[in-house]
Amino acid sequence: MAERPILVRQGDVLLRAVGAIPVTATPLDRDAGRIILAYGEVTGHAHAIEAPAAEATLLTTEENRRFLRLMAGVDLVHEEHATIRLSPGLYEVILQREWTDDDDVQRERARWRFD
């Protein structure tokens, strides 16, 4: 039987377990010691991980793909969602996106909006 993919969703954030992180990925800075996966649009709340750098690292690639390397179990927290305990492993961070019509006449095209 095929192994099921590991998917974790908290609001607009989806984590998908991956076998490897691209070698070109580089670490991102933390915000006040926390890893921020996404900020809320209105409230300013954040999908965040509070863990030492030795336990959790957020990385990005040139294509703006994001990955999470967890060396220990950590909590994904958000003020409006239940806390989720994440197992050690490698994850791709996928953010909800929404199709929007662009009213800017100079662009004259629709575009994706990433939250």
N, C-alpha and C. Protein backbone atom coordinates (compact mmCIF):
# COMPACT_ATOMS: atom_id res chain seq x y z
N MET A 1 0.84 -1.17 0.00
CA MET A 1 0.00 0.00 0.00
C MET A 1 0.89 1.24 0.00
N ALA A 2 0.51 2.26 -0.77
CA ALA A 2 1.28 3.49 -0.87
C ALA A 2 1.20 4.29 0.42
N GLU A 3 2.30 4.95 0.75
CA GLU A 3 2.33 5.76 1.95
C GLU A 3 1.55 7.05 1.72
N ARG A 4 0.75 7.45 2.69
CA ARG A 4 -0.04 8.67 2.57
C ARG A 4 0.83 9.89 2.82
N PRO A 5 0.62 10.97 2.07
CA PRO A 5 1.40 12.18 2.31
C PRO A 5 1.00 12.81 3.64
N ILE A 6 1.95 13.42 4.30
CA ILE A 6 1.67 14.11 5.56
C ILE A 6 1.35 15.56 5.23
N LEU A 7 0.14 15.97 5.56
CA LEU A 7 -0.31 17.34 5.35
C LEU A 7 -0.83 17.89 6.67
N VAL A 8 -0.45 19.13 6.98
CA VAL A 8 -0.92 19.79 8.19
C VAL A 8 -1.42 21.16 7.77
N ARG A 9 -2.66 21.50 8.16
CA ARG A 9 -3.21 22.82 7.82
C ARG A 9 -3.60 23.55 9.08
N GLN A 10 -3.22 24.84 9.12
CA GLN A 10 -3.67 25.74 10.17
C GLN A 10 -4.07 27.03 9.46
N GLY A 11 -5.37 27.22 9.28
CA GLY A 11 -5.85 28.41 8.58
C GLY A 11 -5.31 28.46 7.15
N ASP A 12 -4.64 29.55 6.81
CA ASP A 12 -4.10 29.77 5.46
C ASP A 12 -2.75 29.11 5.23
N VAL A 13 -2.25 28.37 6.21
CA VAL A 13 -0.93 27.74 6.09
C VAL A 13 -1.10 26.22 5.95
N LEU A 14 -0.46 25.68 4.93
CA LEU A 14 -0.44 24.23 4.71
C LEU A 14 1.02 23.78 4.75
N LEU A 15 1.29 22.74 5.53
CA LEU A 15 2.62 22.14 5.57
C LEU A 15 2.53 20.76 4.94
N ARG A 16 3.45 20.51 4.01
CA ARG A 16 3.49 19.22 3.32
C ARG A 16 4.85 18.60 3.56
N ALA A 17 4.87 17.41 4.14
CA ALA A 17 6.14 16.72 4.39
C ALA A 17 6.84 16.45 3.06
N VAL A 18 8.16 16.67 3.04
CA VAL A 18 8.97 16.42 1.84
C VAL A 18 10.17 15.57 2.23
N GLY A 19 10.76 14.92 1.23
CA GLY A 19 11.92 14.08 1.47
C GLY A 19 13.21 14.85 1.57
N ALA A 20 13.25 16.04 0.96
CA ALA A 20 14.48 16.84 0.96
C ALA A 20 14.14 18.30 0.72
N ILE A 21 15.03 19.16 1.14
CA ILE A 21 14.93 20.60 0.90
C ILE A 21 15.97 20.93 -0.17
N PRO A 22 15.62 21.77 -1.15
CA PRO A 22 16.60 22.11 -2.19
C PRO A 22 17.91 22.62 -1.59
N VAL A 23 19.02 22.21 -2.18
CA VAL A 23 20.34 22.60 -1.65
C VAL A 23 20.56 24.10 -1.76
N THR A 24 19.81 24.78 -2.62
CA THR A 24 19.96 26.23 -2.79
C THR A 24 19.21 27.03 -1.73
N ALA A 25 18.43 26.36 -0.90
CA ALA A 25 17.63 27.06 0.11
C ALA A 25 18.52 27.71 1.16
N THR A 26 18.14 28.92 1.57
CA THR A 26 18.91 29.66 2.57
C THR A 26 18.00 30.03 3.74
N PRO A 27 18.56 30.08 4.95
CA PRO A 27 17.74 30.40 6.13
C PRO A 27 17.19 31.82 6.09
N LEU A 28 15.99 31.98 6.63
CA LEU A 28 15.36 33.30 6.77
C LEU A 28 15.52 33.79 8.20
N ASP A 29 15.52 35.10 8.35
CA ASP A 29 15.61 35.69 9.68
C ASP A 29 14.33 35.43 10.48
N ARG A 30 14.48 35.45 11.78
CA ARG A 30 13.34 35.30 12.69
C ARG A 30 12.80 36.68 13.05
N ASP A 31 11.59 36.70 13.55
CA ASP A 31 10.95 37.93 14.00
C ASP A 31 10.80 37.84 15.51
N ALA A 32 11.57 38.61 16.23
CA ALA A 32 11.56 38.60 17.70
C ALA A 32 11.76 37.18 18.23
N GLY A 33 12.64 36.42 17.56
CA GLY A 33 12.97 35.07 18.01
C GLY A 33 12.04 33.99 17.50
N ARG A 34 10.96 34.38 16.82
CA ARG A 34 9.98 33.40 16.32
C ARG A 34 10.13 33.19 14.82
N ILE A 35 9.78 31.99 14.37
CA ILE A 35 9.64 31.72 12.94
C ILE A 35 8.21 32.06 12.58
N ILE A 36 8.04 32.98 11.65
CA ILE A 36 6.70 33.39 11.22
C ILE A 36 6.44 32.76 9.85
N LEU A 37 5.42 31.91 9.79
CA LEU A 37 5.06 31.30 8.52
C LEU A 37 4.11 32.20 7.73
N ALA A 38 3.25 32.95 8.42
CA ALA A 38 2.34 33.88 7.76
C ALA A 38 1.75 34.82 8.80
N TYR A 39 1.53 36.07 8.40
CA TYR A 39 0.84 37.05 9.24
C TYR A 39 -0.62 37.14 8.81
N GLY A 40 -1.50 37.43 9.76
CA GLY A 40 -2.90 37.67 9.43
C GLY A 40 -3.05 39.00 8.72
N GLU A 41 -4.02 39.10 7.83
CA GLU A 41 -4.24 40.33 7.06
C GLU A 41 -4.76 41.46 7.92
N VAL A 42 -5.69 41.17 8.79
CA VAL A 42 -6.38 42.21 9.53
C VAL A 42 -5.89 42.32 10.97
N THR A 43 -5.77 41.20 11.64
CA THR A 43 -5.51 41.21 13.08
C THR A 43 -4.04 41.36 13.44
N GLY A 44 -3.13 41.04 12.52
CA GLY A 44 -1.72 41.06 12.85
C GLY A 44 -1.25 39.81 13.56
N HIS A 45 -2.18 38.88 13.82
CA HIS A 45 -1.80 37.60 14.41
C HIS A 45 -0.91 36.85 13.44
N ALA A 46 -0.16 35.89 13.96
CA ALA A 46 0.79 35.17 13.11
C ALA A 46 0.74 33.67 13.35
N HIS A 47 0.96 32.92 12.28
CA HIS A 47 1.20 31.48 12.37
C HIS A 47 2.70 31.38 12.68
N ALA A 48 3.03 30.96 13.89
CA ALA A 48 4.41 31.07 14.35
C ALA A 48 4.89 29.82 15.09
N ILE A 49 6.20 29.67 15.07
CA ILE A 49 6.87 28.61 15.82
C ILE A 49 7.88 29.28 16.73
N GLU A 50 7.78 28.98 18.02
CA GLU A 50 8.73 29.49 18.99
C GLU A 50 9.59 28.32 19.43
N ALA A 51 10.76 28.22 18.83
CA ALA A 51 11.69 27.13 19.14
C ALA A 51 13.10 27.62 18.86
N PRO A 52 14.09 27.10 19.56
CA PRO A 52 15.47 27.50 19.30
C PRO A 52 15.90 27.16 17.87
N ALA A 53 16.87 27.91 17.38
CA ALA A 53 17.38 27.70 16.01
C ALA A 53 17.89 26.28 15.81
N ALA A 54 18.37 25.64 16.87
CA ALA A 54 18.86 24.26 16.75
C ALA A 54 17.72 23.28 16.50
N GLU A 55 16.49 23.68 16.80
CA GLU A 55 15.33 22.80 16.63
C GLU A 55 14.50 23.10 15.39
N ALA A 56 14.50 24.35 14.93
CA ALA A 56 13.63 24.73 13.82
C ALA A 56 14.28 25.82 12.98
N THR A 57 14.22 25.63 11.64
CA THR A 57 14.76 26.61 10.71
C THR A 57 13.80 26.78 9.55
N LEU A 58 13.53 28.04 9.18
CA LEU A 58 12.73 28.35 8.00
C LEU A 58 13.69 28.76 6.90
N LEU A 59 13.53 28.15 5.71
CA LEU A 59 14.42 28.41 4.59
C LEU A 59 13.63 28.85 3.37
N THR A 60 14.28 29.55 2.45
CA THR A 60 13.63 29.98 1.22
C THR A 60 14.54 29.70 0.03
N THR A 61 13.93 29.59 -1.14
CA THR A 61 14.69 29.42 -2.38
C THR A 61 14.52 30.66 -3.24
N GLU A 62 15.26 30.73 -4.34
CA GLU A 62 15.16 31.88 -5.25
C GLU A 62 13.76 32.00 -5.83
N GLU A 63 13.04 30.90 -5.91
CA GLU A 63 11.68 30.91 -6.46
C GLU A 63 10.64 31.26 -5.40
N ASN A 64 11.10 31.71 -4.24
CA ASN A 64 10.24 32.06 -3.11
C ASN A 64 9.47 30.88 -2.53
N ARG A 65 9.96 29.67 -2.75
CA ARG A 65 9.39 28.52 -2.07
C ARG A 65 9.98 28.51 -0.66
N ARG A 66 9.18 28.09 0.31
CA ARG A 66 9.65 28.07 1.70
C ARG A 66 9.59 26.66 2.25
N PHE A 67 10.57 26.38 3.10
CA PHE A 67 10.68 25.05 3.70
C PHE A 67 10.97 25.21 5.18
N LEU A 68 10.55 24.21 5.93
CA LEU A 68 10.75 24.19 7.37
C LEU A 68 11.52 22.93 7.73
N ARG A 69 12.64 23.10 8.43
CA ARG A 69 13.43 21.96 8.90
C ARG A 69 13.25 21.87 10.41
N LEU A 70 12.65 20.78 10.88
CA LEU A 70 12.41 20.59 12.31
C LEU A 70 13.27 19.44 12.82
N MET A 71 14.13 19.73 13.77
CA MET A 71 14.99 18.73 14.37
C MET A 71 14.36 18.13 15.63
N ALA A 72 13.27 18.74 16.08
CA ALA A 72 12.55 18.28 17.27
C ALA A 72 11.08 18.59 17.07
N GLY A 73 10.22 18.01 17.89
CA GLY A 73 8.81 18.35 17.85
C GLY A 73 8.62 19.78 18.34
N VAL A 74 7.82 20.56 17.61
CA VAL A 74 7.57 21.96 17.98
C VAL A 74 6.08 22.25 17.82
N ASP A 75 5.64 23.35 18.42
CA ASP A 75 4.25 23.77 18.32
C ASP A 75 4.10 24.88 17.29
N LEU A 76 3.09 24.73 16.43
CA LEU A 76 2.68 25.79 15.51
C LEU A 76 1.50 26.49 16.18
N VAL A 77 1.66 27.77 16.47
CA VAL A 77 0.65 28.51 17.23
C VAL A 77 0.06 29.65 16.41
N HIS A 78 -1.16 30.00 16.75
CA HIS A 78 -1.85 31.15 16.18
C HIS A 78 -2.95 31.52 17.16
N GLU A 79 -3.18 32.81 17.33
CA GLU A 79 -4.12 33.28 18.33
C GLU A 79 -5.57 32.84 18.05
N GLU A 80 -5.90 32.54 16.79
CA GLU A 80 -7.28 32.20 16.45
C GLU A 80 -7.47 30.74 16.05
N HIS A 81 -6.44 29.93 16.16
CA HIS A 81 -6.51 28.52 15.78
C HIS A 81 -5.94 27.66 16.91
N ALA A 82 -6.31 26.40 16.91
CA ALA A 82 -5.75 25.46 17.89
C ALA A 82 -4.27 25.25 17.61
N THR A 83 -3.50 25.08 18.65
CA THR A 83 -2.07 24.78 18.51
C THR A 83 -1.91 23.39 17.90
N ILE A 84 -0.94 23.26 17.00
CA ILE A 84 -0.67 21.98 16.34
C ILE A 84 0.76 21.57 16.68
N ARG A 85 0.92 20.36 17.18
CA ARG A 85 2.25 19.81 17.46
C ARG A 85 2.79 19.20 16.17
N LEU A 86 3.94 19.70 15.72
CA LEU A 86 4.57 19.21 14.50
C LEU A 86 5.68 18.24 14.86
N SER A 87 5.73 17.15 14.14
CA SER A 87 6.78 16.15 14.34
C SER A 87 8.07 16.60 13.65
N PRO A 88 9.21 16.12 14.13
CA PRO A 88 10.47 16.44 13.44
C PRO A 88 10.39 15.98 11.99
N GLY A 89 11.03 16.73 11.11
CA GLY A 89 11.04 16.38 9.70
C GLY A 89 11.22 17.59 8.82
N LEU A 90 11.03 17.39 7.53
CA LEU A 90 11.16 18.45 6.53
C LEU A 90 9.79 18.72 5.94
N TYR A 91 9.44 20.01 5.82
CA TYR A 91 8.13 20.39 5.31
C TYR A 91 8.27 21.52 4.30
N GLU A 92 7.41 21.50 3.28
CA GLU A 92 7.26 22.67 2.43
C GLU A 92 6.13 23.50 3.00
N VAL A 93 6.31 24.81 3.05
CA VAL A 93 5.30 25.72 3.58
C VAL A 93 4.54 26.31 2.39
N ILE A 94 3.25 26.05 2.33
CA ILE A 94 2.42 26.51 1.23
C ILE A 94 1.36 27.44 1.80
N LEU A 95 1.30 28.66 1.28
CA LEU A 95 0.34 29.64 1.77
C LEU A 95 -0.87 29.70 0.85
N GLN A 96 -2.04 29.89 1.47
CA GLN A 96 -3.28 30.06 0.71
C GLN A 96 -3.09 31.21 -0.25
N ARG A 97 -3.62 31.07 -1.45
CA ARG A 97 -3.58 32.18 -2.38
C ARG A 97 -4.96 32.38 -2.97
N GLU A 98 -5.19 33.59 -3.43
CA GLU A 98 -6.51 33.98 -3.89
C GLU A 98 -6.37 34.71 -5.22
N TRP A 99 -7.26 34.40 -6.15
CA TRP A 99 -7.25 35.07 -7.45
C TRP A 99 -7.92 36.42 -7.30
N THR A 100 -7.25 37.50 -7.77
CA THR A 100 -7.83 38.84 -7.69
C THR A 100 -7.72 39.51 -9.04
N ASP A 101 -8.69 40.33 -9.37
CA ASP A 101 -8.62 41.14 -10.59
C ASP A 101 -7.88 42.42 -10.23
N ASP A 102 -6.93 42.76 -11.06
CA ASP A 102 -6.12 43.94 -10.81
C ASP A 102 -6.75 45.13 -11.53
N ASP A 103 -7.11 46.18 -10.79
CA ASP A 103 -7.71 47.36 -11.40
C ASP A 103 -6.67 48.31 -11.96
N ASP A 104 -5.41 48.04 -11.72
CA ASP A 104 -4.33 48.89 -12.20
C ASP A 104 -4.27 48.81 -13.73
N VAL A 105 -4.56 49.92 -14.41
CA VAL A 105 -4.63 49.92 -15.86
C VAL A 105 -3.27 49.61 -16.49
N GLN A 106 -2.19 49.95 -15.82
CA GLN A 106 -0.86 49.71 -16.37
C GLN A 106 -0.57 48.23 -16.48
N ARG A 107 -1.12 47.44 -15.60
CA ARG A 107 -0.83 46.00 -15.64
C ARG A 107 -1.83 45.25 -16.51
N GLU A 108 -3.08 45.69 -16.51
CA GLU A 108 -4.15 45.11 -17.34
C GLU A 108 -4.15 43.59 -17.35
N ARG A 109 -4.02 43.01 -16.20
CA ARG A 109 -4.09 41.55 -16.11
C ARG A 109 -4.52 41.19 -14.70
N ALA A 110 -5.00 40.00 -14.56
CA ALA A 110 -5.33 39.50 -13.22
C ALA A 110 -4.07 38.94 -12.60
N ARG A 111 -4.05 38.81 -11.31
CA ARG A 111 -2.85 38.30 -10.64
C ARG A 111 -3.23 37.50 -9.41
N TRP A 112 -2.29 36.72 -8.96
CA TRP A 112 -2.47 35.96 -7.72
C TRP A 112 -2.09 36.84 -6.56
N ARG A 113 -2.86 36.71 -5.47
CA ARG A 113 -2.52 37.39 -4.23
C ARG A 113 -2.18 36.32 -3.22
N PHE A 114 -0.99 36.42 -2.61
CA PHE A 114 -0.57 35.47 -1.58
C PHE A 114 -0.79 36.12 -0.24
N ASP A 115 -1.48 35.42 0.66
CA ASP A 115 -1.73 35.95 2.01
C ASP A 115 -0.63 35.53 2.93
